[in-house]
């Protein structure tokens, strides 16, 4: 009886692999937005986000979410056309702290930038 159970369990252990597809589904790779330069800098009492584009695959929205010390400060979106070469965002009257800007292209994170505003 033990031998039968061992053979039965051994035979069942291979069954889970027989239902997996042998060929994976093809991947659909979409072209991505390519940034040539992205910087978060100080300009007087303001914080300035500058972007330069190398490749824009399609027209779409580029969103920016800016946080200070992990607290949301502002969110903004702009429509990017194929002819757009650069963009600038300005945060006025910035206070001291650690800033992080997240860039989203059509819902996907493209880049995160950090900046510390000190005296």
C-alpha atoms as a PDB file:
ATOM      1  CA  UNK A   1       0.000   0.000   0.000  1.00  0.00           C
ATOM      2  CA  UNK A   2       2.852   2.378   0.782  1.00  0.00           C
ATOM      3  CA  UNK A   3       4.454   1.668  -2.542  1.00  0.00           C
ATOM      4  CA  UNK A   4       1.178   2.455  -4.344  1.00  0.00           C
ATOM      5  CA  UNK A   5       0.817   5.776  -2.476  1.00  0.00           C
ATOM      6  CA  UNK A   6       4.403   6.775  -3.234  1.00  0.00           C
ATOM      7  CA  UNK A   7       3.952   6.010  -6.946  1.00  0.00           C
ATOM      8  CA  UNK A   8       0.592   7.791  -6.981  1.00  0.00           C
ATOM      9  CA  UNK A   9       2.016  10.933  -5.298  1.00  0.00           C
ATOM     10  CA  UNK A  10       5.028  10.886  -7.610  1.00  0.00           C
ATOM     11  CA  UNK A  11       2.747  10.659 -10.661  1.00  0.00           C
ATOM     12  CA  UNK A  12       0.565  13.546  -9.429  1.00  0.00           C
ATOM     13  CA  UNK A  13       3.545  15.816  -8.762  1.00  0.00           C
ATOM     14  CA  UNK A  14       4.297  16.071 -12.497  1.00  0.00           C
ATOM     15  CA  UNK A  15       0.716  16.938 -13.462  1.00  0.00           C
ATOM     16  CA  UNK A  16       0.912  20.613 -12.526  1.00  0.00           C
ATOM     17  CA  UNK A  17       3.588  21.216 -15.165  1.00  0.00           C
ATOM     18  CA  UNK A  18       1.636  19.670 -18.021  1.00  0.00           C
ATOM     19  CA  UNK A  19      -0.957  22.468 -18.011  1.00  0.00           C
ATOM     20  CA  UNK A  20       1.522  25.323 -18.461  1.00  0.00           C
ATOM     21  CA  UNK A  21       1.816  26.744 -21.969  1.00  0.00           C
ATOM     22  CA  UNK A  22       5.136  25.869 -23.553  1.00  0.00           C
ATOM     23  CA  UNK A  23       5.438  29.040 -25.608  1.00  0.00           C
ATOM     24  CA  UNK A  24       5.059  32.385 -23.822  1.00  0.00           C
ATOM     25  CA  UNK A  25       2.845  35.119 -25.173  1.00  0.00           C
ATOM     26  CA  UNK A  26       4.680  37.602 -27.417  1.00  0.00           C
ATOM     27  CA  UNK A  27       5.808  40.825 -25.763  1.00  0.00           C
ATOM     28  CA  UNK A  28       4.542  44.103 -27.115  1.00  0.00           C
ATOM     29  CA  UNK A  29       7.241  46.694 -26.596  1.00  0.00           C
ATOM     30  CA  UNK A  30       6.125  50.275 -27.004  1.00  0.00           C
ATOM     31  CA  UNK A  31       8.577  53.070 -27.727  1.00  0.00           C
ATOM     32  CA  UNK A  32       9.529  55.066 -24.643  1.00  0.00           C
ATOM     33  CA  UNK A  33      10.093  58.703 -23.921  1.00  0.00           C
ATOM     34  CA  UNK A  34      13.829  59.469 -23.759  1.00  0.00           C
ATOM     35  CA  UNK A  35      15.021  62.416 -21.693  1.00  0.00           C
ATOM     36  CA  UNK A  36      18.345  63.922 -22.673  1.00  0.00           C
ATOM     37  CA  UNK A  37      18.585  66.089 -19.591  1.00  0.00           C
ATOM     38  CA  UNK A  38      16.495  66.513 -16.467  1.00  0.00           C
ATOM     39  CA  UNK A  39      17.525  68.738 -13.580  1.00  0.00           C
ATOM     40  CA  UNK A  40      15.987  70.196 -10.467  1.00  0.00           C
ATOM     41  CA  UNK A  41      17.758  73.439  -9.488  1.00  0.00           C
ATOM     42  CA  UNK A  42      17.348  76.562  -7.384  1.00  0.00           C
ATOM     43  CA  UNK A  43      16.613  79.888  -9.020  1.00  0.00           C
ATOM     44  CA  UNK A  44      16.480  82.586  -6.337  1.00  0.00           C
ATOM     45  CA  UNK A  45      13.567  81.698  -4.023  1.00  0.00           C
ATOM     46  CA  UNK A  46      12.115  79.270  -6.593  1.00  0.00           C
ATOM     47  CA  UNK A  47      12.799  75.682  -7.595  1.00  0.00           C
ATOM     48  CA  UNK A  48      13.092  75.087 -11.320  1.00  0.00           C
ATOM     49  CA  UNK A  49      12.623  71.771 -13.136  1.00  0.00           C
ATOM     50  CA  UNK A  50      14.175  71.730 -16.630  1.00  0.00           C
ATOM     51  CA  UNK A  51      13.680  68.919 -19.123  1.00  0.00           C
ATOM     52  CA  UNK A  52      15.198  68.340 -22.550  1.00  0.00           C
ATOM     53  CA  UNK A  53      13.873  65.565 -24.755  1.00  0.00           C
ATOM     54  CA  UNK A  54      15.830  63.305 -27.097  1.00  0.00           C
ATOM     55  CA  UNK A  55      12.935  61.169 -28.301  1.00  0.00           C
ATOM     56  CA  UNK A  56       9.166  61.556 -28.053  1.00  0.00           C
ATOM     57  CA  UNK A  57       7.421  58.452 -29.475  1.00  0.00           C
ATOM     58  CA  UNK A  58       3.871  59.856 -29.562  1.00  0.00           C
ATOM     59  CA  UNK A  59       1.993  62.863 -28.314  1.00  0.00           C
ATOM     60  CA  UNK A  60       0.894  62.460 -24.729  1.00  0.00           C
ATOM     61  CA  UNK A  61       0.799  63.893 -21.248  1.00  0.00           C
ATOM     62  CA  UNK A  62       3.885  64.316 -19.087  1.00  0.00           C
ATOM     63  CA  UNK A  63       2.975  64.640 -15.411  1.00  0.00           C
ATOM     64  CA  UNK A  64       5.114  65.935 -12.571  1.00  0.00           C
ATOM     65  CA  UNK A  65       4.507  65.180  -8.917  1.00  0.00           C
ATOM     66  CA  UNK A  66       6.632  67.248  -6.550  1.00  0.00           C
ATOM     67  CA  UNK A  67       7.110  66.256  -2.899  1.00  0.00           C
ATOM     68  CA  UNK A  68       8.864  68.022  -0.017  1.00  0.00           C
ATOM     69  CA  UNK A  69      10.014  65.771   2.825  1.00  0.00           C
ATOM     70  CA  UNK A  70       7.690  62.999   1.491  1.00  0.00           C
ATOM     71  CA  UNK A  71       4.639  65.312   1.596  1.00  0.00           C
ATOM     72  CA  UNK A  72       2.964  66.200  -1.725  1.00  0.00           C
ATOM     73  CA  UNK A  73       3.503  69.817  -2.770  1.00  0.00           C
ATOM     74  CA  UNK A  74       2.069  70.010  -6.262  1.00  0.00           C
ATOM     75  CA  UNK A  75       1.062  67.972  -9.312  1.00  0.00           C
ATOM     76  CA  UNK A  76       0.881  69.184 -12.882  1.00  0.00           C
ATOM     77  CA  UNK A  77       0.506  67.745 -16.381  1.00  0.00           C
ATOM     78  CA  UNK A  78       1.376  69.120 -19.777  1.00  0.00           C
ATOM     79  CA  UNK A  79       0.579  67.901 -23.257  1.00  0.00           C
ATOM     80  CA  UNK A  80       3.794  67.070 -25.093  1.00  0.00           C
ATOM     81  CA  UNK A  81       3.752  67.249 -28.888  1.00  0.00           C
ATOM     82  CA  UNK A  82       6.272  65.630 -31.222  1.00  0.00           C
ATOM     83  CA  UNK A  83       7.964  68.987 -31.823  1.00  0.00           C
ATOM     84  CA  UNK A  84       8.562  69.772 -28.128  1.00  0.00           C
ATOM     85  CA  UNK A  85      12.270  70.091 -27.376  1.00  0.00           C
ATOM     86  CA  UNK A  86      12.289  71.265 -23.741  1.00  0.00           C
ATOM     87  CA  UNK A  87      10.037  72.145 -20.812  1.00  0.00           C
ATOM     88  CA  UNK A  88      10.330  74.090 -17.576  1.00  0.00           C
ATOM     89  CA  UNK A  89       8.278  73.961 -14.381  1.00  0.00           C
ATOM     90  CA  UNK A  90       8.667  76.503 -11.609  1.00  0.00           C
ATOM     91  CA  UNK A  91       7.731  76.135  -7.933  1.00  0.00           C
ATOM     92  CA  UNK A  92       7.577  79.607  -6.408  1.00  0.00           C
ATOM     93  CA  UNK A  93       8.376  80.508  -2.797  1.00  0.00           C
ATOM     94  CA  UNK A  94      10.015  77.195  -1.967  1.00  0.00           C
ATOM     95  CA  UNK A  95      10.849  76.558   1.689  1.00  0.00           C
ATOM     96  CA  UNK A  96      13.836  74.675   3.057  1.00  0.00           C
ATOM     97  CA  UNK A  97      13.697  70.901   2.777  1.00  0.00           C
ATOM     98  CA  UNK A  98      14.360  67.842   0.648  1.00  0.00           C
ATOM     99  CA  UNK A  99      12.469  67.851  -2.648  1.00  0.00           C
ATOM    100  CA  UNK A 100      11.750  64.969  -5.012  1.00  0.00           C
ATOM    101  CA  UNK A 101      10.125  65.273  -8.433  1.00  0.00           C
ATOM    102  CA  UNK A 102       8.558  62.255 -10.132  1.00  0.00           C
ATOM    103  CA  UNK A 103       8.058  62.393 -13.900  1.00  0.00           C
ATOM    104  CA  UNK A 104       5.262  60.277 -15.376  1.00  0.00           C
ATOM    105  CA  UNK A 105       4.814  59.622 -19.094  1.00  0.00           C
ATOM    106  CA  UNK A 106       1.305  58.338 -19.823  1.00  0.00           C
ATOM    107  CA  UNK A 107       1.054  56.803 -16.338  1.00  0.00           C
ATOM    108  CA  UNK A 108       4.532  55.207 -16.156  1.00  0.00           C
ATOM    109  CA  UNK A 109       7.376  56.641 -14.077  1.00  0.00           C
ATOM    110  CA  UNK A 110      10.154  57.952 -16.310  1.00  0.00           C
ATOM    111  CA  UNK A 111      12.497  59.511 -13.778  1.00  0.00           C
ATOM    112  CA  UNK A 112      12.775  60.694 -10.180  1.00  0.00           C
ATOM    113  CA  UNK A 113      14.920  63.719  -9.278  1.00  0.00           C
ATOM    114  CA  UNK A 114      16.129  64.780  -5.831  1.00  0.00           C
ATOM    115  CA  UNK A 115      17.124  68.229  -4.607  1.00  0.00           C
ATOM    116  CA  UNK A 116      17.916  69.576  -1.137  1.00  0.00           C
ATOM    117  CA  UNK A 117      17.123  73.242  -0.546  1.00  0.00           C
ATOM    118  CA  UNK A 118      19.415  74.648   2.126  1.00  0.00           C
ATOM    119  CA  UNK A 119      20.342  78.145   3.284  1.00  0.00           C
END
